[in-house]
Amino acid sequence: RAQGDFAVTFLDRYGNEIGQRGIIQRDSVPVDEMPDHVI
């Protein structure tokens, strides 16, 4: 179940952000709180 508690932002060789990995679901919304039409 564990995602690992890493939250990493990656920059390229010139310092530009190219993406993230780790706890990208840090603001995960419970299914019960999602709109009915989304489910």
PDB file of all heavy atoms in Angstrom:
ATOM      1  N   ARG A   1       0.813  -1.211   0.000  1.00  0.00           N
ATOM      2  CA  ARG A   1       0.000   0.000   0.000  1.00  0.00           C
ATOM      3  C   ARG A   1       0.851   1.268   0.000  1.00  0.00           C
ATOM      4  O   ARG A   1       0.417   2.311  -0.476  1.00  0.00           O
ATOM      5  CB  ARG A   1      -0.906   0.044   1.235  1.00  0.00           C
ATOM      6  CG  ARG A   1      -2.053  -0.956   1.222  1.00  0.00           C
ATOM      7  CD  ARG A   1      -2.775  -0.903   2.550  1.00  0.00           C
ATOM      8  NE  ARG A   1      -3.891  -1.827   2.619  1.00  0.00           N
ATOM      9  CZ  ARG A   1      -5.154  -1.500   2.377  1.00  0.00           C
ATOM     10  NH1 ARG A   1      -5.439  -0.272   2.010  1.00  0.00           N
ATOM     11  NH2 ARG A   1      -6.118  -2.392   2.472  1.00  0.00           N
ATOM     12  N   ALA A   2       2.045   1.160   0.550  1.00  0.00           N
ATOM     13  CA  ALA A   2       2.884   2.348   0.729  1.00  0.00           C
ATOM     14  C   ALA A   2       3.389   2.869  -0.610  1.00  0.00           C
ATOM     15  O   ALA A   2       3.942   2.123  -1.397  1.00  0.00           O
ATOM     16  CB  ALA A   2       4.058   2.031   1.645  1.00  0.00           C
ATOM     17  N   GLN A   3       3.212   4.127  -0.875  1.00  0.00           N
ATOM     18  CA  GLN A   3       3.764   4.762  -2.068  1.00  0.00           C
ATOM     19  C   GLN A   3       5.236   5.100  -1.837  1.00  0.00           C
ATOM     20  O   GLN A   3       5.959   5.367  -2.774  1.00  0.00           O
ATOM     21  CB  GLN A   3       3.004   6.052  -2.370  1.00  0.00           C
ATOM     22  CG  GLN A   3       1.696   5.825  -3.073  1.00  0.00           C
ATOM     23  CD  GLN A   3       1.885   5.757  -4.573  1.00  0.00           C
ATOM     24  OE1 GLN A   3       2.971   5.540  -5.074  1.00  0.00           O
ATOM     25  NE2 GLN A   3       0.812   5.926  -5.289  1.00  0.00           N
ATOM     26  N   GLY A   4       5.677   5.048  -0.594  1.00  0.00           N
ATOM     27  CA  GLY A   4       6.982   5.612  -0.288  1.00  0.00           C
ATOM     28  C   GLY A   4       6.749   7.085  -0.006  1.00  0.00           C
ATOM     29  O   GLY A   4       5.976   7.756  -0.674  1.00  0.00           O
ATOM     30  N   ASP A   5       7.417   7.610   1.005  1.00  0.00           N
ATOM     31  CA  ASP A   5       7.124   8.980   1.399  1.00  0.00           C
ATOM     32  C   ASP A   5       8.023   9.976   0.683  1.00  0.00           C
ATOM     33  O   ASP A   5       8.262  11.076   1.172  1.00  0.00           O
ATOM     34  CB  ASP A   5       7.249   9.136   2.916  1.00  0.00           C
ATOM     35  CG  ASP A   5       8.598   8.654   3.433  1.00  0.00           C
ATOM     36  OD1 ASP A   5       9.356   8.071   2.642  1.00  0.00           O
ATOM     37  OD2 ASP A   5       8.890   8.868   4.620  1.00  0.00           O
ATOM     38  N   PHE A   6       8.545   9.623  -0.487  1.00  0.00           N
ATOM     39  CA  PHE A   6       9.343  10.554  -1.276  1.00  0.00           C
ATOM     40  C   PHE A   6       8.427  11.503  -2.047  1.00  0.00           C
ATOM     41  O   PHE A   6       7.377  11.101  -2.562  1.00  0.00           O
ATOM     42  CB  PHE A   6      10.230   9.805  -2.278  1.00  0.00           C
ATOM     43  CG  PHE A   6      11.432   9.163  -1.659  1.00  0.00           C
ATOM     44  CD1 PHE A   6      11.379   7.862  -1.189  1.00  0.00           C
ATOM     45  CD2 PHE A   6      12.628   9.852  -1.547  1.00  0.00           C
ATOM     46  CE1 PHE A   6      12.477   7.261  -0.617  1.00  0.00           C
ATOM     47  CE2 PHE A   6      13.745   9.259  -0.979  1.00  0.00           C
ATOM     48  CZ  PHE A   6      13.669   7.961  -0.519  1.00  0.00           C
ATOM     49  N   ALA A   7       8.835  12.750  -2.136  1.00  0.00           N
ATOM     50  CA  ALA A   7       8.176  13.737  -2.986  1.00  0.00           C
ATOM     51  C   ALA A   7       9.295  14.530  -3.644  1.00  0.00           C
ATOM     52  O   ALA A   7       9.937  15.370  -3.018  1.00  0.00           O
ATOM     53  CB  ALA A   7       7.267  14.644  -2.176  1.00  0.00           C
ATOM     54  N   VAL A   8       9.566  14.233  -4.906  1.00  0.00           N
ATOM     55  CA  VAL A   8      10.743  14.777  -5.584  1.00  0.00           C
ATOM     56  C   VAL A   8      10.322  15.586  -6.796  1.00  0.00           C
ATOM     57  O   VAL A   8       9.531  15.126  -7.626  1.00  0.00           O
ATOM     58  CB  VAL A   8      11.708  13.651  -6.032  1.00  0.00           C
ATOM     59  CG1 VAL A   8      12.976  14.244  -6.629  1.00  0.00           C
ATOM     60  CG2 VAL A   8      12.046  12.744  -4.853  1.00  0.00           C
ATOM     61  N   THR A   9      10.852  16.804  -6.894  1.00  0.00           N
ATOM     62  CA  THR A   9      10.702  17.636  -8.076  1.00  0.00           C
ATOM     63  C   THR A   9      12.006  17.583  -8.860  1.00  0.00           C
ATOM     64  O   THR A   9      13.088  17.771  -8.292  1.00  0.00           O
ATOM     65  CB  THR A   9      10.377  19.088  -7.688  1.00  0.00           C
ATOM     66  OG1 THR A   9       9.153  19.117  -6.958  1.00  0.00           O
ATOM     67  CG2 THR A   9      10.246  19.960  -8.924  1.00  0.00           C
ATOM     68  N   PHE A  10      11.911  17.340 -10.164  1.00  0.00           N
ATOM     69  CA  PHE A  10      13.106  17.140 -10.986  1.00  0.00           C
ATOM     70  C   PHE A  10      13.337  18.351 -11.895  1.00  0.00           C
ATOM     71  O   PHE A  10      12.402  18.881 -12.505  1.00  0.00           O
ATOM     72  CB  PHE A  10      12.964  15.881 -11.843  1.00  0.00           C
ATOM     73  CG  PHE A  10      12.982  14.610 -11.047  1.00  0.00           C
ATOM     74  CD1 PHE A  10      11.800  14.055 -10.580  1.00  0.00           C
ATOM     75  CD2 PHE A  10      14.178  13.980 -10.741  1.00  0.00           C
ATOM     76  CE1 PHE A  10      11.809  12.889  -9.841  1.00  0.00           C
ATOM     77  CE2 PHE A  10      14.197  12.817 -10.003  1.00  0.00           C
ATOM     78  CZ  PHE A  10      13.015  12.268  -9.542  1.00  0.00           C
ATOM     79  N   LEU A  11      14.606  18.762 -12.001  1.00  0.00           N
ATOM     80  CA  LEU A  11      15.032  19.838 -12.884  1.00  0.00           C
ATOM     81  C   LEU A  11      15.994  19.282 -13.920  1.00  0.00           C
ATOM     82  O   LEU A  11      16.736  18.334 -13.650  1.00  0.00           O
ATOM     83  CB  LEU A  11      15.721  20.956 -12.092  1.00  0.00           C
ATOM     84  CG  LEU A  11      14.998  21.485 -10.846  1.00  0.00           C
ATOM     85  CD1 LEU A  11      15.836  22.564 -10.179  1.00  0.00           C
ATOM     86  CD2 LEU A  11      13.612  22.011 -11.191  1.00  0.00           C
ATOM     87  N   ASP A  12      15.991  19.861 -15.118  1.00  0.00           N
ATOM     88  CA  ASP A  12      16.930  19.405 -16.129  1.00  0.00           C
ATOM     89  C   ASP A  12      18.307  20.028 -15.897  1.00  0.00           C
ATOM     90  O   ASP A  12      18.532  20.721 -14.894  1.00  0.00           O
ATOM     91  CB  ASP A  12      16.402  19.704 -17.537  1.00  0.00           C
ATOM     92  CG  ASP A  12      16.339  21.201 -17.853  1.00  0.00           C
ATOM     93  OD1 ASP A  12      16.846  22.013 -17.053  1.00  0.00           O
ATOM     94  OD2 ASP A  12      15.773  21.565 -18.898  1.00  0.00           O
ATOM     95  N   ARG A  13      19.218  19.796 -16.815  1.00  0.00           N
ATOM     96  CA  ARG A  13      20.598  20.262 -16.635  1.00  0.00           C
ATOM     97  C   ARG A  13      20.697  21.774 -16.583  1.00  0.00           C
ATOM     98  O   ARG A  13      21.695  22.325 -16.086  1.00  0.00           O
ATOM     99  CB  ARG A  13      21.475  19.724 -17.763  1.00  0.00           C
ATOM    100  CG  ARG A  13      21.090  20.204 -19.151  1.00  0.00           C
ATOM    101  CD  ARG A  13      21.949  19.614 -20.248  1.00  0.00           C
ATOM    102  NE  ARG A  13      23.350  19.934 -20.086  1.00  0.00           N
ATOM    103  CZ  ARG A  13      24.281  19.728 -21.010  1.00  0.00           C
ATOM    104  NH1 ARG A  13      23.940  19.168 -22.176  1.00  0.00           N
ATOM    105  NH2 ARG A  13      25.532  20.050 -20.799  1.00  0.00           N
ATOM    106  N   TYR A  14      19.676  22.476 -17.074  1.00  0.00           N
ATOM    107  CA  TYR A  14      19.693  23.938 -17.075  1.00  0.00           C
ATOM    108  C   TYR A  14      18.828  24.544 -15.972  1.00  0.00           C
ATOM    109  O   TYR A  14      18.667  25.761 -15.916  1.00  0.00           O
ATOM    110  CB  TYR A  14      19.217  24.453 -18.437  1.00  0.00           C
ATOM    111  CG  TYR A  14      20.051  23.944 -19.589  1.00  0.00           C
ATOM    112  CD1 TYR A  14      19.511  23.052 -20.515  1.00  0.00           C
ATOM    113  CD2 TYR A  14      21.378  24.335 -19.747  1.00  0.00           C
ATOM    114  CE1 TYR A  14      20.273  22.575 -21.576  1.00  0.00           C
ATOM    115  CE2 TYR A  14      22.150  23.862 -20.801  1.00  0.00           C
ATOM    116  CZ  TYR A  14      21.591  22.979 -21.709  1.00  0.00           C
ATOM    117  OH  TYR A  14      22.355  22.503 -22.741  1.00  0.00           O
ATOM    118  N   GLY A  15      18.242  23.708 -15.125  1.00  0.00           N
ATOM    119  CA  GLY A  15      17.450  24.210 -14.014  1.00  0.00           C
ATOM    120  C   GLY A  15      15.970  24.347 -14.282  1.00  0.00           C
ATOM    121  O   GLY A  15      15.232  24.862 -13.427  1.00  0.00           O
ATOM    122  N   ASN A  16      15.485  23.877 -15.433  1.00  0.00           N
ATOM    123  CA  ASN A  16      14.055  23.942 -15.733  1.00  0.00           C
ATOM    124  C   ASN A  16      13.337  22.723 -15.154  1.00  0.00           C
ATOM    125  O   ASN A  16      13.846  21.603 -15.235  1.00  0.00           O
ATOM    126  CB  ASN A  16      13.840  23.976 -17.246  1.00  0.00           C
ATOM    127  CG  ASN A  16      14.560  25.136 -17.907  1.00  0.00           C
ATOM    128  OD1 ASN A  16      14.431  26.282 -17.472  1.00  0.00           O
ATOM    129  ND2 ASN A  16      15.339  24.850 -18.939  1.00  0.00           N
ATOM    130  N   GLU A  17      12.151  22.923 -14.578  1.00  0.00           N
ATOM    131  CA  GLU A  17      11.397  21.805 -14.012  1.00  0.00           C
ATOM    132  C   GLU A  17      10.884  20.904 -15.126  1.00  0.00           C
ATOM    133  O   GLU A  17      10.318  21.367 -16.122  1.00  0.00           O
ATOM    134  CB  GLU A  17      10.220  22.310 -13.182  1.00  0.00           C
ATOM    135  CG  GLU A  17       9.433  21.186 -12.507  1.00  0.00           C
ATOM    136  CD  GLU A  17       8.346  21.681 -11.571  1.00  0.00           C
ATOM    137  OE1 GLU A  17       8.457  22.833 -11.099  1.00  0.00           O
ATOM    138  OE2 GLU A  17       7.395  20.914 -11.321  1.00  0.00           O
ATOM    139  N   ILE A  18      11.078  19.608 -14.957  1.00  0.00           N
ATOM    140  CA  ILE A  18      10.644  18.649 -15.976  1.00  0.00           C
ATOM    141  C   ILE A  18       9.620  17.652 -15.450  1.00  0.00           C
ATOM    142  O   ILE A  18       9.078  16.858 -16.225  1.00  0.00           O
ATOM    143  CB  ILE A  18      11.853  17.877 -16.555  1.00  0.00           C
ATOM    144  CG1 ILE A  18      12.644  17.186 -15.433  1.00  0.00           C
ATOM    145  CG2 ILE A  18      12.733  18.793 -17.365  1.00  0.00           C
ATOM    146  CD1 ILE A  18      13.785  16.314 -15.943  1.00  0.00           C
ATOM    147  N   GLY A  19       9.338  17.666 -14.152  1.00  0.00           N
ATOM    148  CA  GLY A  19       8.318  16.756 -13.637  1.00  0.00           C
ATOM    149  C   GLY A  19       8.513  16.440 -12.177  1.00  0.00           C
ATOM    150  O   GLY A  19       9.449  16.931 -11.525  1.00  0.00           O
ATOM    151  N   GLN A  20       7.614  15.612 -11.660  1.00  0.00           N
ATOM    152  CA  GLN A  20       7.632  15.204 -10.264  1.00  0.00           C
ATOM    153  C   GLN A  20       7.393  13.706 -10.164  1.00  0.00           C
ATOM    154  O   GLN A  20       6.807  13.095 -11.049  1.00  0.00           O
ATOM    155  CB  GLN A  20       6.558  15.950  -9.462  1.00  0.00           C
ATOM    156  CG  GLN A  20       6.748  17.445  -9.376  1.00  0.00           C
ATOM    157  CD  GLN A  20       5.631  18.115  -8.595  1.00  0.00           C
ATOM    158  OE1 GLN A  20       4.483  17.681  -8.642  1.00  0.00           O
ATOM    159  NE2 GLN A  20       5.964  19.164  -7.866  1.00  0.00           N
ATOM    160  N   ARG A  21       7.850  13.153  -9.092  1.00  0.00           N
ATOM    161  CA  ARG A  21       7.573  11.759  -8.775  1.00  0.00           C
ATOM    162  C   ARG A  21       7.453  11.631  -7.253  1.00  0.00           C
ATOM    163  O   ARG A  21       7.923  12.465  -6.508  1.00  0.00           O
ATOM    164  CB  ARG A  21       8.687  10.831  -9.275  1.00  0.00           C
ATOM    165  CG  ARG A  21       8.694  10.583 -10.780  1.00  0.00           C
ATOM    166  CD  ARG A  21       7.450   9.815 -11.202  1.00  0.00           C
ATOM    167  NE  ARG A  21       7.476   9.470 -12.615  1.00  0.00           N
ATOM    168  CZ  ARG A  21       7.006  10.239 -13.579  1.00  0.00           C
ATOM    169  NH1 ARG A  21       6.498  11.422 -13.289  1.00  0.00           N
ATOM    170  NH2 ARG A  21       7.038   9.833 -14.839  1.00  0.00           N
ATOM    171  N   GLY A  22       6.814  10.527  -6.843  1.00  0.00           N
ATOM    172  CA  GLY A  22       6.660  10.277  -5.412  1.00  0.00           C
ATOM    173  C   GLY A  22       5.228  10.463  -4.999  1.00  0.00           C
ATOM    174  O   GLY A  22       4.307   9.929  -5.625  1.00  0.00           O
ATOM    175  N   ILE A  23       5.009  11.267  -3.963  1.00  0.00           N
ATOM    176  CA  ILE A  23       3.665  11.437  -3.425  1.00  0.00           C
ATOM    177  C   ILE A  23       2.939  12.496  -4.243  1.00  0.00           C
ATOM    178  O   ILE A  23       2.662  13.591  -3.789  1.00  0.00           O
ATOM    179  CB  ILE A  23       3.699  11.816  -1.934  1.00  0.00           C
ATOM    180  CG1 ILE A  23       4.657  10.915  -1.167  1.00  0.00           C
ATOM    181  CG2 ILE A  23       2.312  11.702  -1.315  1.00  0.00           C
ATOM    182  CD1 ILE A  23       4.810  11.282   0.270  1.00  0.00           C
ATOM    183  N   ILE A  24       2.648  12.169  -5.489  1.00  0.00           N
ATOM    184  CA  ILE A  24       1.918  13.093  -6.344  1.00  0.00           C
ATOM    185  C   ILE A  24       0.442  13.096  -5.955  1.00  0.00           C
ATOM    186  O   ILE A  24      -0.287  14.016  -6.242  1.00  0.00           O
ATOM    187  CB  ILE A  24       2.115  12.709  -7.822  1.00  0.00           C
ATOM    188  CG1 ILE A  24       3.604  12.700  -8.137  1.00  0.00           C
ATOM    189  CG2 ILE A  24       1.403  13.668  -8.751  1.00  0.00           C
ATOM    190  CD1 ILE A  24       3.927  12.297  -9.540  1.00  0.00           C
ATOM    191  N   GLN A  25       0.014  12.060  -5.255  1.00  0.00           N
ATOM    192  CA  GLN A  25      -1.363  12.009  -4.778  1.00  0.00           C
ATOM    193  C   GLN A  25      -1.466  12.550  -3.350  1.00  0.00           C
ATOM    194  O   GLN A  25      -2.268  12.114  -2.565  1.00  0.00           O
ATOM    195  CB  GLN A  25      -1.881  10.559  -4.790  1.00  0.00           C
ATOM    196  CG  GLN A  25      -1.803   9.891  -6.145  1.00  0.00           C
ATOM    197  CD  GLN A  25      -0.481   9.193  -6.338  1.00  0.00           C
ATOM    198  OE1 GLN A  25       0.460   9.419  -5.594  1.00  0.00           O
ATOM    199  NE2 GLN A  25      -0.390   8.344  -7.337  1.00  0.00           N
ATOM    200  N   ARG A  26      -0.621  13.536  -3.032  1.00  0.00           N
ATOM    201  CA  ARG A  26      -0.590  14.026  -1.657  1.00  0.00           C
ATOM    202  C   ARG A  26      -1.908  14.691  -1.244  1.00  0.00           C
ATOM    203  O   ARG A  26      -2.218  14.796  -0.069  1.00  0.00           O
ATOM    204  CB  ARG A  26       0.576  15.002  -1.485  1.00  0.00           C
ATOM    205  CG  ARG A  26       0.576  16.142  -2.492  1.00  0.00           C
ATOM    206  CD  ARG A  26       1.889  16.928  -2.418  1.00  0.00           C
ATOM    207  NE  ARG A  26       1.987  17.959  -3.435  1.00  0.00           N
ATOM    208  CZ  ARG A  26       2.420  17.736  -4.668  1.00  0.00           C
ATOM    209  NH1 ARG A  26       2.765  16.524  -5.032  1.00  0.00           N
ATOM    210  NH2 ARG A  26       2.499  18.713  -5.542  1.00  0.00           N
ATOM    211  N   ASP A  27      -2.692  15.174  -2.239  1.00  0.00           N
ATOM    212  CA  ASP A  27      -3.983  15.792  -1.942  1.00  0.00           C
ATOM    213  C   ASP A  27      -5.129  14.890  -2.390  1.00  0.00           C
ATOM    214  O   ASP A  27      -6.158  15.357  -2.862  1.00  0.00           O
ATOM    215  CB  ASP A  27      -4.086  17.155  -2.644  1.00  0.00           C
ATOM    216  CG  ASP A  27      -3.022  18.123  -2.161  1.00  0.00           C
ATOM    217  OD1 ASP A  27      -2.723  18.102  -0.958  1.00  0.00           O
ATOM    218  OD2 ASP A  27      -2.481  18.880  -2.990  1.00  0.00           O
ATOM    219  N   SER A  28      -4.925  13.593  -2.259  1.00  0.00           N
ATOM    220  CA  SER A  28      -5.925  12.628  -2.716  1.00  0.00           C
ATOM    221  C   SER A  28      -7.281  12.915  -2.076  1.00  0.00           C
ATOM    222  O   SER A  28      -7.399  13.158  -0.879  1.00  0.00           O
ATOM    223  CB  SER A  28      -5.471  11.208  -2.343  1.00  0.00           C
ATOM    224  OG  SER A  28      -6.472  10.280  -2.636  1.00  0.00           O
ATOM    225  N   VAL A  29      -8.298  12.885  -2.931  1.00  0.00           N
ATOM    226  CA  VAL A  29      -9.660  13.158  -2.479  1.00  0.00           C
ATOM    227  C   VAL A  29     -10.392  11.841  -2.296  1.00  0.00           C
ATOM    228  O   VAL A  29     -10.401  11.000  -3.204  1.00  0.00           O
ATOM    229  CB  VAL A  29     -10.401  14.043  -3.505  1.00  0.00           C
ATOM    230  CG1 VAL A  29     -11.858  14.235  -3.094  1.00  0.00           C
ATOM    231  CG2 VAL A  29      -9.696  15.384  -3.649  1.00  0.00           C
ATOM    232  N   PRO A  30     -11.028  11.609  -1.127  1.00  0.00           N
ATOM    233  CA  PRO A  30     -11.787  10.370  -0.931  1.00  0.00           C
ATOM    234  C   PRO A  30     -12.902  10.228  -1.961  1.00  0.00           C
ATOM    235  O   PRO A  30     -13.482  11.217  -2.422  1.00  0.00           O
ATOM    236  CB  PRO A  30     -12.351  10.521   0.487  1.00  0.00           C
ATOM    237  CG  PRO A  30     -11.443  11.499   1.152  1.00  0.00           C
ATOM    238  CD  PRO A  30     -11.001  12.442   0.076  1.00  0.00           C
ATOM    239  N   VAL A  31     -13.192   8.990  -2.307  1.00  0.00           N
ATOM    240  CA  VAL A  31     -14.230   8.719  -3.298  1.00  0.00           C
ATOM    241  C   VAL A  31     -15.555   9.332  -2.877  1.00  0.00           C
ATOM    242  O   VAL A  31     -16.310   9.864  -3.714  1.00  0.00           O
ATOM    243  CB  VAL A  31     -14.371   7.189  -3.500  1.00  0.00           C
ATOM    244  CG1 VAL A  31     -15.598   6.873  -4.354  1.00  0.00           C
ATOM    245  CG2 VAL A  31     -13.120   6.623  -4.147  1.00  0.00           C
ATOM    246  N   ASP A  32     -15.881   9.281  -1.574  1.00  0.00           N
ATOM    247  CA  ASP A  32     -17.159   9.811  -1.089  1.00  0.00           C
ATOM    248  C   ASP A  32     -17.296  11.312  -1.325  1.00  0.00           C
ATOM    249  O   ASP A  32     -18.419  11.837  -1.367  1.00  0.00           O
ATOM    250  CB  ASP A  32     -17.317   9.513   0.403  1.00  0.00           C
ATOM    251  CG  ASP A  32     -17.499   8.029   0.669  1.00  0.00           C
ATOM    252  OD1 ASP A  32     -17.934   7.326  -0.266  1.00  0.00           O
ATOM    253  OD2 ASP A  32     -17.187   7.576   1.780  1.00  0.00           O
ATOM    254  N   GLU A  33     -16.153  12.020  -1.460  1.00  0.00           N
ATOM    255  CA  GLU A  33     -16.196  13.469  -1.641  1.00  0.00           C
ATOM    256  C   GLU A  33     -16.147  13.879  -3.111  1.00  0.00           C
ATOM    257  O   GLU A  33     -16.250  15.062  -3.427  1.00  0.00           O
ATOM    258  CB  GLU A  33     -15.044  14.122  -0.878  1.00  0.00           C
ATOM    259  CG  GLU A  33     -15.105  13.909   0.625  1.00  0.00           C
ATOM    260  CD  GLU A  33     -13.961  14.589   1.352  1.00  0.00           C
ATOM    261  OE1 GLU A  33     -13.302  15.451   0.740  1.00  0.00           O
ATOM    262  OE2 GLU A  33     -13.723  14.254   2.527  1.00  0.00           O
ATOM    263  N   MET A  34     -15.965  12.922  -4.014  1.00  0.00           N
ATOM    264  CA  MET A  34     -15.944  13.235  -5.438  1.00  0.00           C
ATOM    265  C   MET A  34     -17.368  13.382  -5.955  1.00  0.00           C
ATOM    266  O   MET A  34     -18.280  12.706  -5.478  1.00  0.00           O
ATOM    267  CB  MET A  34     -15.226  12.128  -6.218  1.00  0.00           C
ATOM    268  CG  MET A  34     -13.752  12.008  -5.914  1.00  0.00           C
ATOM    269  SD  MET A  34     -12.970  10.742  -6.967  1.00  0.00           S
ATOM    270  CE  MET A  34     -11.342  10.649  -6.209  1.00  0.00           C
ATOM    271  N   PRO A  35     -17.587  14.242  -6.930  1.00  0.00           N
ATOM    272  CA  PRO A  35     -18.938  14.378  -7.509  1.00  0.00           C
ATOM    273  C   PRO A  35     -19.424  13.060  -8.090  1.00  0.00           C
ATOM    274  O   PRO A  35     -18.633  12.260  -8.610  1.00  0.00           O
ATOM    275  CB  PRO A  35     -18.742  15.435  -8.601  1.00  0.00           C
ATOM    276  CG  PRO A  35     -17.517  16.188  -8.203  1.00  0.00           C
ATOM    277  CD  PRO A  35     -16.629  15.199  -7.508  1.00  0.00           C
ATOM    278  N   ASP A  36     -20.713  12.863  -8.043  1.00  0.00           N
ATOM    279  CA  ASP A  36     -21.298  11.620  -8.532  1.00  0.00           C
ATOM    280  C   ASP A  36     -21.025  11.412 -10.019  1.00  0.00           C
ATOM    281  O   ASP A  36     -20.769  10.299 -10.470  1.00  0.00           O
ATOM    282  CB  ASP A  36     -22.810  11.645  -8.266  1.00  0.00           C
ATOM    283  CG  ASP A  36     -23.464  10.313  -8.612  1.00  0.00           C
ATOM    284  OD1 ASP A  36     -23.061   9.291  -8.038  1.00  0.00           O
ATOM    285  OD2 ASP A  36     -24.371  10.312  -9.459  1.00  0.00           O
ATOM    286  N   HIS A  37     -21.025  12.512 -10.790  1.00  0.00           N
ATOM    287  CA  HIS A  37     -20.821  12.355 -12.231  1.00  0.00           C
ATOM    288  C   HIS A  37     -19.383  11.961 -12.571  1.00  0.00           C
ATOM    289  O   HIS A  37     -19.130  11.405 -13.626  1.00  0.00           O
ATOM    290  CB  HIS A  37     -21.224  13.628 -12.991  1.00  0.00           C
ATOM    291  CG  HIS A  37     -20.566  14.880 -12.494  1.00  0.00           C
ATOM    292  ND1 HIS A  37     -21.199  15.775 -11.654  1.00  0.00           N
ATOM    293  CD2 HIS A  37     -19.335  15.394 -12.712  1.00  0.00           C
ATOM    294  CE1 HIS A  37     -20.394  16.792 -11.393  1.00  0.00           C
ATOM    295  NE2 HIS A  37     -19.253  16.585 -12.024  1.00  0.00           N
ATOM    296  N   VAL A  38     -18.432  12.260 -11.699  1.00  0.00           N
ATOM    297  CA  VAL A  38     -17.044  11.824 -11.926  1.00  0.00           C
ATOM    298  C   VAL A  38     -16.949  10.302 -11.818  1.00  0.00           C
ATOM    299  O   VAL A  38     -16.380   9.631 -12.687  1.00  0.00           O
ATOM    300  CB  VAL A  38     -16.091  12.500 -10.927  1.00  0.00           C
ATOM    301  CG1 VAL A  38     -14.694  11.885 -11.014  1.00  0.00           C
ATOM    302  CG2 VAL A  38     -16.017  14.000 -11.177  1.00  0.00           C
ATOM    303  N   ILE A  39     -17.531   9.753 -10.750  1.00  0.00           N
ATOM    304  CA  ILE A  39     -17.497   8.301 -10.547  1.00  0.00           C
ATOM    305  C   ILE A  39     -18.248   7.586 -11.660  1.00  0.00           C
ATOM    306  O   ILE A  39     -17.779   6.580 -12.204  1.00  0.00           O
ATOM    307  CB  ILE A  39     -18.091   7.934  -9.172  1.00  0.00           C
ATOM    308  CG1 ILE A  39     -17.342   8.671  -8.049  1.00  0.00           C
ATOM    309  CG2 ILE A  39     -18.033   6.430  -8.964  1.00  0.00           C
ATOM    310  CD1 ILE A  39     -15.867   8.365  -7.990  1.00  0.00           C
TER     311      ILE A  39
END
